């Protein structure tokens, strides 16, 4: 096995995508993924575009930016190792809400929807494990947003609507 394949296997095994998979299943999943190096400042995906890629941060950081390159540019979130980008759009093809840009030199795993779908007939348990991983991630995001909304409501109420 060459070094690039070993590195890909190691990265997949360490990711949440492989949670609950055995070594053979990780190998099958890894054959559907690509490991990509990105330089600081590189744009992985543009706001308003639609594509079929899920990104998993392996190393480095990515920024999720609204209105990138304009005077209204706003940093929405910083993604660190282990985090996913574009989970729902990956599944349904929805347009990207924001631009995904490397904040530092980074490595990402890239999974294309068609590669995931290729597991349906031959490896449904692997497909199920990946889908569970995506759902867990989306659930964590939703929980965090609910907590932040609650905190904001409490802040406004305690200030009697003056904020």
C-alpha atoms as a PDB file:
ATOM      1  CA  UNK A   1       0.000   0.000   0.000  1.00  0.00           C
ATOM      2  CA  UNK A   2       1.428   3.405  -0.925  1.00  0.00           C
ATOM      3  CA  UNK A   3       1.809   6.307   1.470  1.00  0.00           C
ATOM      4  CA  UNK A   4      -1.093   8.356   0.041  1.00  0.00           C
ATOM      5  CA  UNK A   5      -3.532   5.457   0.478  1.00  0.00           C
ATOM      6  CA  UNK A   6      -2.276   4.823   4.020  1.00  0.00           C
ATOM      7  CA  UNK A   7      -2.750   8.514   4.864  1.00  0.00           C
ATOM      8  CA  UNK A   8      -6.271   8.473   3.426  1.00  0.00           C
ATOM      9  CA  UNK A   9      -7.141   5.345   5.438  1.00  0.00           C
ATOM     10  CA  UNK A  10      -5.751   6.897   8.619  1.00  0.00           C
ATOM     11  CA  UNK A  11      -7.763  10.085   8.088  1.00  0.00           C
ATOM     12  CA  UNK A  12     -10.994   8.231   7.347  1.00  0.00           C
ATOM     13  CA  UNK A  13     -10.544   5.953  10.370  1.00  0.00           C
ATOM     14  CA  UNK A  14     -10.059   9.005  12.616  1.00  0.00           C
ATOM     15  CA  UNK A  15     -13.124  10.813  11.241  1.00  0.00           C
ATOM     16  CA  UNK A  16     -16.672  10.669  12.537  1.00  0.00           C
ATOM     17  CA  UNK A  17     -17.681   9.245   9.167  1.00  0.00           C
ATOM     18  CA  UNK A  18     -16.105   5.923  10.167  1.00  0.00           C
ATOM     19  CA  UNK A  19     -17.669   5.733  13.616  1.00  0.00           C
ATOM     20  CA  UNK A  20     -18.862   2.177  14.198  1.00  0.00           C
ATOM     21  CA  UNK A  21     -17.191   0.726  11.116  1.00  0.00           C
ATOM     22  CA  UNK A  22     -14.709  -2.161  11.134  1.00  0.00           C
ATOM     23  CA  UNK A  23     -11.371  -2.040   9.281  1.00  0.00           C
ATOM     24  CA  UNK A  24     -12.765  -3.603   6.086  1.00  0.00           C
ATOM     25  CA  UNK A  25     -15.669  -1.178   6.022  1.00  0.00           C
ATOM     26  CA  UNK A  26     -13.323   1.774   6.576  1.00  0.00           C
ATOM     27  CA  UNK A  27     -11.305   0.599   3.583  1.00  0.00           C
ATOM     28  CA  UNK A  28     -14.434   0.493   1.407  1.00  0.00           C
ATOM     29  CA  UNK A  29     -15.481   3.954   2.595  1.00  0.00           C
ATOM     30  CA  UNK A  30     -11.987   5.347   2.034  1.00  0.00           C
ATOM     31  CA  UNK A  31     -12.106   4.154  -1.567  1.00  0.00           C
ATOM     32  CA  UNK A  32     -15.043   6.556  -2.083  1.00  0.00           C
ATOM     33  CA  UNK A  33     -13.315   9.586  -0.496  1.00  0.00           C
ATOM     34  CA  UNK A  34     -10.554  11.938  -1.558  1.00  0.00           C
ATOM     35  CA  UNK A  35      -8.024  13.627   0.724  1.00  0.00           C
ATOM     36  CA  UNK A  36      -7.366  17.171  -0.432  1.00  0.00           C
ATOM     37  CA  UNK A  37      -4.803  19.713   0.729  1.00  0.00           C
ATOM     38  CA  UNK A  38      -5.916  23.352   0.613  1.00  0.00           C
ATOM     39  CA  UNK A  39      -3.866  26.484   1.141  1.00  0.00           C
ATOM     40  CA  UNK A  40      -4.923  29.352   3.380  1.00  0.00           C
ATOM     41  CA  UNK A  41      -7.309  31.580   1.458  1.00  0.00           C
ATOM     42  CA  UNK A  42      -8.432  28.901  -1.007  1.00  0.00           C
ATOM     43  CA  UNK A  43     -12.190  28.841  -1.628  1.00  0.00           C
ATOM     44  CA  UNK A  44     -13.601  25.335  -1.494  1.00  0.00           C
ATOM     45  CA  UNK A  45     -17.169  26.349  -2.302  1.00  0.00           C
ATOM     46  CA  UNK A  46     -18.851  29.625  -3.236  1.00  0.00           C
ATOM     47  CA  UNK A  47     -21.998  31.064  -1.652  1.00  0.00           C
ATOM     48  CA  UNK A  48     -25.000  30.532  -3.925  1.00  0.00           C
ATOM     49  CA  UNK A  49     -23.447  27.607  -5.764  1.00  0.00           C
ATOM     50  CA  UNK A  50     -24.836  24.108  -5.627  1.00  0.00           C
ATOM     51  CA  UNK A  51     -22.747  20.977  -5.524  1.00  0.00           C
ATOM     52  CA  UNK A  52     -22.671  17.425  -4.240  1.00  0.00           C
ATOM     53  CA  UNK A  53     -19.690  17.532  -1.868  1.00  0.00           C
ATOM     54  CA  UNK A  54     -19.428  16.973   1.851  1.00  0.00           C
ATOM     55  CA  UNK A  55     -16.209  18.235   3.423  1.00  0.00           C
ATOM     56  CA  UNK A  56     -14.719  16.828   6.622  1.00  0.00           C
ATOM     57  CA  UNK A  57     -11.944  18.922   8.156  1.00  0.00           C
ATOM     58  CA  UNK A  58      -8.930  16.710   8.904  1.00  0.00           C
ATOM     59  CA  UNK A  59      -6.409  19.403   9.855  1.00  0.00           C
ATOM     60  CA  UNK A  60      -6.373  23.191   9.867  1.00  0.00           C
ATOM     61  CA  UNK A  61      -9.387  25.475   9.926  1.00  0.00           C
ATOM     62  CA  UNK A  62     -12.055  26.568   7.476  1.00  0.00           C
ATOM     63  CA  UNK A  63     -14.176  29.702   7.646  1.00  0.00           C
ATOM     64  CA  UNK A  64     -17.834  29.847   6.714  1.00  0.00           C
ATOM     65  CA  UNK A  65     -18.270  33.371   5.333  1.00  0.00           C
ATOM     66  CA  UNK A  66     -21.368  35.248   4.210  1.00  0.00           C
ATOM     67  CA  UNK A  67     -20.954  37.823   1.407  1.00  0.00           C
ATOM     68  CA  UNK A  68     -17.294  36.860   0.862  1.00  0.00           C
ATOM     69  CA  UNK A  69     -15.171  39.482  -0.837  1.00  0.00           C
ATOM     70  CA  UNK A  70     -17.596  42.337  -0.249  1.00  0.00           C
ATOM     71  CA  UNK A  71     -17.712  45.151   2.277  1.00  0.00           C
ATOM     72  CA  UNK A  72     -20.499  43.212   4.045  1.00  0.00           C
ATOM     73  CA  UNK A  73     -18.358  40.081   4.529  1.00  0.00           C
ATOM     74  CA  UNK A  74     -19.190  38.348   7.798  1.00  0.00           C
ATOM     75  CA  UNK A  75     -17.536  35.353   9.424  1.00  0.00           C
ATOM     76  CA  UNK A  76     -20.304  33.007  10.532  1.00  0.00           C
ATOM     77  CA  UNK A  77     -18.296  30.106  11.871  1.00  0.00           C
ATOM     78  CA  UNK A  78     -14.873  28.549  12.104  1.00  0.00           C
ATOM     79  CA  UNK A  79     -14.686  24.818  11.432  1.00  0.00           C
ATOM     80  CA  UNK A  80     -11.924  22.798  13.066  1.00  0.00           C
ATOM     81  CA  UNK A  81     -10.618  19.262  12.691  1.00  0.00           C
ATOM     82  CA  UNK A  82     -13.421  16.695  12.788  1.00  0.00           C
ATOM     83  CA  UNK A  83     -16.198  19.054  11.736  1.00  0.00           C
ATOM     84  CA  UNK A  84     -18.343  18.738   8.606  1.00  0.00           C
ATOM     85  CA  UNK A  85     -19.276  21.357   6.018  1.00  0.00           C
ATOM     86  CA  UNK A  86     -22.378  21.355   3.783  1.00  0.00           C
ATOM     87  CA  UNK A  87     -24.063  18.309   5.320  1.00  0.00           C
ATOM     88  CA  UNK A  88     -27.583  19.074   4.153  1.00  0.00           C
ATOM     89  CA  UNK A  89     -26.731  20.539   0.757  1.00  0.00           C
ATOM     90  CA  UNK A  90     -24.631  17.458   0.140  1.00  0.00           C
ATOM     91  CA  UNK A  91     -27.763  15.360   0.515  1.00  0.00           C
ATOM     92  CA  UNK A  92     -30.348  17.498  -1.263  1.00  0.00           C
ATOM     93  CA  UNK A  93     -28.347  19.707  -3.647  1.00  0.00           C
ATOM     94  CA  UNK A  94     -29.505  22.963  -2.037  1.00  0.00           C
ATOM     95  CA  UNK A  95     -27.532  26.113  -2.773  1.00  0.00           C
ATOM     96  CA  UNK A  96     -24.754  26.993  -0.380  1.00  0.00           C
ATOM     97  CA  UNK A  97     -25.768  29.594   2.180  1.00  0.00           C
ATOM     98  CA  UNK A  98     -22.192  30.852   2.564  1.00  0.00           C
ATOM     99  CA  UNK A  99     -18.702  30.542   1.136  1.00  0.00           C
ATOM    100  CA  UNK A 100     -16.338  27.922   2.529  1.00  0.00           C
ATOM    101  CA  UNK A 101     -12.757  29.235   2.647  1.00  0.00           C
ATOM    102  CA  UNK A 102      -9.569  27.846   4.172  1.00  0.00           C
ATOM    103  CA  UNK A 103      -8.517  30.014   7.123  1.00  0.00           C
ATOM    104  CA  UNK A 104      -5.184  28.201   7.302  1.00  0.00           C
ATOM    105  CA  UNK A 105      -3.431  25.504   5.360  1.00  0.00           C
ATOM    106  CA  UNK A 106      -5.750  22.547   5.791  1.00  0.00           C
ATOM    107  CA  UNK A 107      -6.558  18.994   4.801  1.00  0.00           C
ATOM    108  CA  UNK A 108     -10.108  17.890   4.086  1.00  0.00           C
ATOM    109  CA  UNK A 109     -11.814  14.656   3.204  1.00  0.00           C
ATOM    110  CA  UNK A 110     -14.183  15.096   0.267  1.00  0.00           C
ATOM    111  CA  UNK A 111     -17.164  12.822  -0.285  1.00  0.00           C
ATOM    112  CA  UNK A 112     -19.325  13.262  -3.370  1.00  0.00           C
ATOM    113  CA  UNK A 113     -22.988  12.269  -3.202  1.00  0.00           C
ATOM    114  CA  UNK A 114     -22.629   9.818  -6.101  1.00  0.00           C
ATOM    115  CA  UNK A 115     -19.827   8.029  -4.264  1.00  0.00           C
ATOM    116  CA  UNK A 116     -22.027   7.661  -1.199  1.00  0.00           C
ATOM    117  CA  UNK A 117     -24.925   6.438  -3.336  1.00  0.00           C
ATOM    118  CA  UNK A 118     -22.648   3.803  -4.892  1.00  0.00           C
ATOM    119  CA  UNK A 119     -22.748   2.035  -1.512  1.00  0.00           C
ATOM    120  CA  UNK A 120     -26.533   1.486  -1.563  1.00  0.00           C
ATOM    121  CA  UNK A 121     -26.624  -2.012  -3.057  1.00  0.00           C
ATOM    122  CA  UNK A 122     -23.258  -3.472  -2.061  1.00  0.00           C
ATOM    123  CA  UNK A 123     -22.567  -1.874   1.312  1.00  0.00           C
ATOM    124  CA  UNK A 124     -25.795  -0.588   2.897  1.00  0.00           C
ATOM    125  CA  UNK A 125     -24.382  -0.780   6.466  1.00  0.00           C
ATOM    126  CA  UNK A 126     -21.566   1.597   5.530  1.00  0.00           C
ATOM    127  CA  UNK A 127     -24.079   3.954   3.931  1.00  0.00           C
ATOM    128  CA  UNK A 128     -26.225   3.773   7.062  1.00  0.00           C
ATOM    129  CA  UNK A 129     -23.237   4.551   9.316  1.00  0.00           C
ATOM    130  CA  UNK A 130     -22.299   7.594   7.214  1.00  0.00           C
ATOM    131  CA  UNK A 131     -25.898   8.851   7.229  1.00  0.00           C
ATOM    132  CA  UNK A 132     -26.061   8.410  11.018  1.00  0.00           C
ATOM    133  CA  UNK A 133     -22.867  10.438  11.334  1.00  0.00           C
ATOM    134  CA  UNK A 134     -24.345  13.238   9.225  1.00  0.00           C
ATOM    135  CA  UNK A 135     -27.592  13.221  11.224  1.00  0.00           C
ATOM    136  CA  UNK A 136     -25.673  13.363  14.528  1.00  0.00           C
ATOM    137  CA  UNK A 137     -23.730  16.360  13.232  1.00  0.00           C
ATOM    138  CA  UNK A 138     -26.871  18.174  12.087  1.00  0.00           C
ATOM    139  CA  UNK A 139     -28.513  17.422  15.432  1.00  0.00           C
ATOM    140  CA  UNK A 140     -25.554  18.952  17.294  1.00  0.00           C
ATOM    141  CA  UNK A 141     -25.795  22.104  15.171  1.00  0.00           C
ATOM    142  CA  UNK A 142     -29.542  22.347  15.765  1.00  0.00           C
ATOM    143  CA  UNK A 143     -29.067  21.882  19.523  1.00  0.00           C
ATOM    144  CA  UNK A 144     -26.406  24.597  19.643  1.00  0.00           C
ATOM    145  CA  UNK A 145     -28.642  27.010  17.692  1.00  0.00           C
ATOM    146  CA  UNK A 146     -31.579  26.316  20.018  1.00  0.00           C
ATOM    147  CA  UNK A 147     -29.435  27.039  23.066  1.00  0.00           C
ATOM    148  CA  UNK A 148     -28.156  30.275  21.532  1.00  0.00           C
ATOM    149  CA  UNK A 149     -31.704  31.377  20.658  1.00  0.00           C
ATOM    150  CA  UNK A 150     -32.786  30.691  24.232  1.00  0.00           C
ATOM    151  CA  UNK A 151     -29.868  32.693  25.622  1.00  0.00           C
ATOM    152  CA  UNK A 152     -30.666  35.598  23.297  1.00  0.00           C
ATOM    153  CA  UNK A 153     -34.330  35.546  24.332  1.00  0.00           C
ATOM    154  CA  UNK A 154     -33.341  35.552  28.009  1.00  0.00           C
ATOM    155  CA  UNK A 155     -30.997  38.474  27.429  1.00  0.00           C
ATOM    156  CA  UNK A 156     -33.669  40.534  25.660  1.00  0.00           C
ATOM    157  CA  UNK A 157     -36.347  39.757  28.273  1.00  0.00           C
ATOM    158  CA  UNK A 158     -34.023  40.669  31.160  1.00  0.00           C
ATOM    159  CA  UNK A 159     -33.271  43.966  29.438  1.00  0.00           C
ATOM    160  CA  UNK A 160     -37.038  44.642  29.082  1.00  0.00           C
ATOM    161  CA  UNK A 161     -36.680  44.725  25.320  1.00  0.00           C
ATOM    162  CA  UNK A 162     -33.805  47.248  25.443  1.00  0.00           C
ATOM    163  CA  UNK A 163     -30.729  45.776  23.861  1.00  0.00           C
END
